[in-house]
Amino acid sequence: MREPIVIIGGGMAGGNAAATLRDEGFSGPVVLLSREPNVPFGRPPLSKTYLRSEEDLAGWYVRPAGWYAEHDVEL
């Protein structure tokens, strides 16, 4: 069994690191540790559309929520 790769931080960089590992063919365990309770996402700019709830965080996710389980990335 391969040693796991542990990624610290669930923001844009951590999410992209996990996605890149899988996109490049890494098949070992990938664990993403974060204080965030949800999937990795970029921090949206504070905008009027966001404050008026005209946009949500789904557009800021690194990958869709189901992608992590489908690609065996432990959150």
N, C-alpha and C. Protein backbone atom coordinates (compact mmCIF):
# COMPACT_ATOMS: atom_id res chain seq x y z
N MET A 1 0.84 -1.18 0.00
CA MET A 1 0.00 0.00 0.00
C MET A 1 0.89 1.25 0.00
N ARG A 2 0.50 2.23 -0.77
CA ARG A 2 1.25 3.47 -0.85
C ARG A 2 0.98 4.33 0.37
N GLU A 3 1.96 5.14 0.72
CA GLU A 3 1.79 6.11 1.80
C GLU A 3 0.81 7.17 1.34
N PRO A 4 -0.03 7.68 2.24
CA PRO A 4 -0.99 8.71 1.85
C PRO A 4 -0.31 10.05 1.63
N ILE A 5 -0.91 10.86 0.80
CA ILE A 5 -0.54 12.26 0.69
C ILE A 5 -1.58 13.02 1.48
N VAL A 6 -1.11 13.80 2.45
CA VAL A 6 -1.99 14.58 3.30
C VAL A 6 -1.83 16.05 2.91
N ILE A 7 -2.93 16.68 2.57
CA ILE A 7 -2.95 18.08 2.17
C ILE A 7 -3.57 18.87 3.32
N ILE A 8 -2.86 19.88 3.77
CA ILE A 8 -3.35 20.72 4.87
C ILE A 8 -3.96 21.98 4.27
N GLY A 9 -5.23 22.20 4.53
CA GLY A 9 -5.92 23.40 4.04
C GLY A 9 -6.92 23.05 2.96
N GLY A 10 -8.15 23.50 3.17
CA GLY A 10 -9.23 23.16 2.26
C GLY A 10 -9.68 24.30 1.38
N GLY A 11 -8.80 25.23 1.13
CA GLY A 11 -9.15 26.32 0.23
C GLY A 11 -8.87 25.96 -1.21
N MET A 12 -8.70 26.96 -2.04
CA MET A 12 -8.45 26.76 -3.46
C MET A 12 -7.19 25.93 -3.71
N ALA A 13 -6.11 26.24 -2.99
CA ALA A 13 -4.84 25.52 -3.21
C ALA A 13 -4.96 24.05 -2.82
N GLY A 14 -5.55 23.78 -1.66
CA GLY A 14 -5.70 22.39 -1.22
C GLY A 14 -6.59 21.58 -2.15
N GLY A 15 -7.71 22.18 -2.57
CA GLY A 15 -8.61 21.49 -3.49
C GLY A 15 -7.95 21.22 -4.83
N ASN A 16 -7.22 22.19 -5.33
CA ASN A 16 -6.53 22.00 -6.61
C ASN A 16 -5.40 20.98 -6.49
N ALA A 17 -4.74 20.92 -5.34
CA ALA A 17 -3.69 19.92 -5.15
C ALA A 17 -4.28 18.52 -5.22
N ALA A 18 -5.40 18.30 -4.54
CA ALA A 18 -6.05 16.98 -4.57
C ALA A 18 -6.52 16.64 -5.98
N ALA A 19 -7.13 17.61 -6.66
CA ALA A 19 -7.62 17.37 -8.02
C ALA A 19 -6.46 17.07 -8.97
N THR A 20 -5.37 17.80 -8.84
CA THR A 20 -4.22 17.58 -9.72
C THR A 20 -3.61 16.21 -9.49
N LEU A 21 -3.52 15.78 -8.23
CA LEU A 21 -3.00 14.44 -7.96
C LEU A 21 -3.81 13.39 -8.71
N ARG A 22 -5.13 13.48 -8.63
CA ARG A 22 -5.98 12.51 -9.31
C ARG A 22 -5.92 12.68 -10.83
N ASP A 23 -5.92 13.92 -11.30
CA ASP A 23 -5.85 14.16 -12.75
C ASP A 23 -4.55 13.61 -13.35
N GLU A 24 -3.47 13.65 -12.56
CA GLU A 24 -2.17 13.18 -13.04
C GLU A 24 -1.95 11.69 -12.80
N GLY A 25 -2.95 11.01 -12.23
CA GLY A 25 -2.88 9.56 -12.11
C GLY A 25 -2.41 9.01 -10.78
N PHE A 26 -2.22 9.85 -9.76
CA PHE A 26 -1.83 9.32 -8.45
C PHE A 26 -2.97 8.47 -7.92
N SER A 27 -2.65 7.21 -7.57
CA SER A 27 -3.71 6.29 -7.14
C SER A 27 -3.68 5.98 -5.65
N GLY A 28 -2.72 6.53 -4.94
CA GLY A 28 -2.63 6.27 -3.50
C GLY A 28 -3.65 7.10 -2.73
N PRO A 29 -3.67 6.91 -1.42
CA PRO A 29 -4.61 7.66 -0.58
C PRO A 29 -4.32 9.16 -0.58
N VAL A 30 -5.37 9.95 -0.68
CA VAL A 30 -5.28 11.40 -0.60
C VAL A 30 -6.22 11.85 0.51
N VAL A 31 -5.67 12.58 1.49
CA VAL A 31 -6.45 13.07 2.62
C VAL A 31 -6.31 14.58 2.64
N LEU A 32 -7.43 15.27 2.69
CA LEU A 32 -7.44 16.73 2.73
C LEU A 32 -7.97 17.17 4.09
N LEU A 33 -7.13 17.83 4.87
CA LEU A 33 -7.50 18.29 6.22
C LEU A 33 -7.80 19.78 6.19
N SER A 34 -8.93 20.15 6.78
CA SER A 34 -9.34 21.54 6.76
C SER A 34 -10.26 21.84 7.93
N ARG A 35 -10.27 23.08 8.35
CA ARG A 35 -11.24 23.52 9.35
C ARG A 35 -12.61 23.73 8.72
N GLU A 36 -12.63 23.95 7.41
CA GLU A 36 -13.89 24.19 6.71
C GLU A 36 -14.75 22.93 6.76
N PRO A 37 -16.05 23.07 7.01
CA PRO A 37 -16.92 21.90 7.10
C PRO A 37 -17.35 21.35 5.74
N ASN A 38 -17.10 22.09 4.67
CA ASN A 38 -17.56 21.69 3.34
C ASN A 38 -16.39 21.38 2.42
N VAL A 39 -16.72 21.16 1.16
CA VAL A 39 -15.68 20.86 0.16
C VAL A 39 -14.86 22.12 -0.12
N PRO A 40 -13.64 21.96 -0.65
CA PRO A 40 -12.79 23.12 -0.93
C PRO A 40 -13.44 24.11 -1.90
N PHE A 41 -13.26 25.38 -1.59
CA PHE A 41 -13.79 26.43 -2.45
C PHE A 41 -12.91 27.66 -2.36
N GLY A 42 -12.97 28.48 -3.40
CA GLY A 42 -12.26 29.74 -3.40
C GLY A 42 -13.07 30.76 -2.62
N ARG A 43 -12.40 31.72 -2.10
CA ARG A 43 -13.10 32.77 -1.37
C ARG A 43 -13.67 33.76 -2.36
N PRO A 44 -15.00 33.86 -2.41
CA PRO A 44 -15.59 34.80 -3.37
C PRO A 44 -15.34 36.24 -2.94
N PRO A 45 -15.19 37.11 -3.91
CA PRO A 45 -15.05 38.52 -3.53
C PRO A 45 -16.36 39.00 -2.91
N LEU A 46 -16.26 39.91 -1.99
CA LEU A 46 -17.46 40.46 -1.38
C LEU A 46 -18.14 41.35 -2.42
N SER A 47 -19.22 40.85 -2.96
CA SER A 47 -19.89 41.58 -4.03
C SER A 47 -21.36 41.77 -3.68
N LYS A 48 -21.98 42.70 -4.35
CA LYS A 48 -23.40 42.95 -4.11
C LYS A 48 -24.24 41.74 -4.47
N THR A 49 -23.89 41.05 -5.54
CA THR A 49 -24.69 39.89 -5.93
C THR A 49 -24.60 38.79 -4.88
N TYR A 50 -23.43 38.61 -4.29
CA TYR A 50 -23.29 37.60 -3.24
C TYR A 50 -24.08 38.01 -2.00
N LEU A 51 -23.97 39.25 -1.60
CA LEU A 51 -24.68 39.73 -0.42
C LEU A 51 -26.20 39.68 -0.59
N ARG A 52 -26.68 39.84 -1.81
CA ARG A 52 -28.12 39.77 -2.07
C ARG A 52 -28.58 38.34 -2.33
N SER A 53 -27.69 37.38 -2.15
CA SER A 53 -27.97 35.95 -2.38
C SER A 53 -28.33 35.66 -3.82
N GLU A 54 -27.79 36.44 -4.75
CA GLU A 54 -28.02 36.19 -6.17
C GLU A 54 -26.99 35.23 -6.74
N GLU A 55 -25.98 34.90 -5.96
CA GLU A 55 -25.03 33.86 -6.33
C GLU A 55 -24.72 33.08 -5.07
N ASP A 56 -24.33 31.82 -5.24
CA ASP A 56 -24.00 31.01 -4.08
C ASP A 56 -22.59 30.47 -4.20
N LEU A 57 -22.16 29.70 -3.21
CA LEU A 57 -20.80 29.19 -3.21
C LEU A 57 -20.56 28.08 -4.21
N ALA A 58 -21.61 27.46 -4.73
CA ALA A 58 -21.42 26.35 -5.66
C ALA A 58 -20.55 26.73 -6.84
N GLY A 59 -20.66 27.95 -7.30
CA GLY A 59 -19.83 28.41 -8.41
C GLY A 59 -18.37 28.61 -8.04
N TRP A 60 -18.07 28.60 -6.75
CA TRP A 60 -16.71 28.82 -6.27
C TRP A 60 -16.03 27.53 -5.83
N TYR A 61 -16.74 26.38 -5.91
CA TYR A 61 -16.13 25.11 -5.53
C TYR A 61 -15.01 24.76 -6.49
N VAL A 62 -13.95 24.18 -5.96
CA VAL A 62 -12.85 23.71 -6.81
C VAL A 62 -13.37 22.59 -7.71
N ARG A 63 -14.07 21.65 -7.13
CA ARG A 63 -14.74 20.56 -7.85
C ARG A 63 -16.10 20.37 -7.20
N PRO A 64 -17.07 19.82 -7.94
CA PRO A 64 -18.40 19.59 -7.34
C PRO A 64 -18.30 18.71 -6.10
N ALA A 65 -19.24 18.86 -5.19
CA ALA A 65 -19.19 18.17 -3.90
C ALA A 65 -18.99 16.66 -4.05
N GLY A 66 -19.67 16.03 -4.98
CA GLY A 66 -19.57 14.58 -5.14
C GLY A 66 -18.25 14.10 -5.73
N TRP A 67 -17.48 14.98 -6.31
CA TRP A 67 -16.23 14.61 -6.97
C TRP A 67 -15.27 13.96 -5.99
N TYR A 68 -15.19 14.45 -4.77
CA TYR A 68 -14.20 13.96 -3.80
C TYR A 68 -14.44 12.50 -3.44
N ALA A 69 -15.66 12.13 -3.17
CA ALA A 69 -15.97 10.73 -2.88
C ALA A 69 -15.76 9.86 -4.12
N GLU A 70 -16.16 10.35 -5.26
CA GLU A 70 -16.01 9.60 -6.52
C GLU A 70 -14.54 9.34 -6.85
N HIS A 71 -13.65 10.21 -6.42
CA HIS A 71 -12.23 10.08 -6.72
C HIS A 71 -11.41 9.69 -5.49
N ASP A 72 -12.09 9.18 -4.48
CA ASP A 72 -11.44 8.63 -3.29
C ASP A 72 -10.49 9.63 -2.63
N VAL A 73 -10.99 10.85 -2.45
CA VAL A 73 -10.27 11.88 -1.71
C VAL A 73 -11.01 12.04 -0.38
N GLU A 74 -10.32 11.74 0.70
CA GLU A 74 -10.94 11.79 2.03
C GLU A 74 -10.89 13.23 2.55
N LEU A 75 -12.06 13.73 2.95
CA LEU A 75 -12.14 15.08 3.52
C LEU A 75 -12.23 14.98 5.02
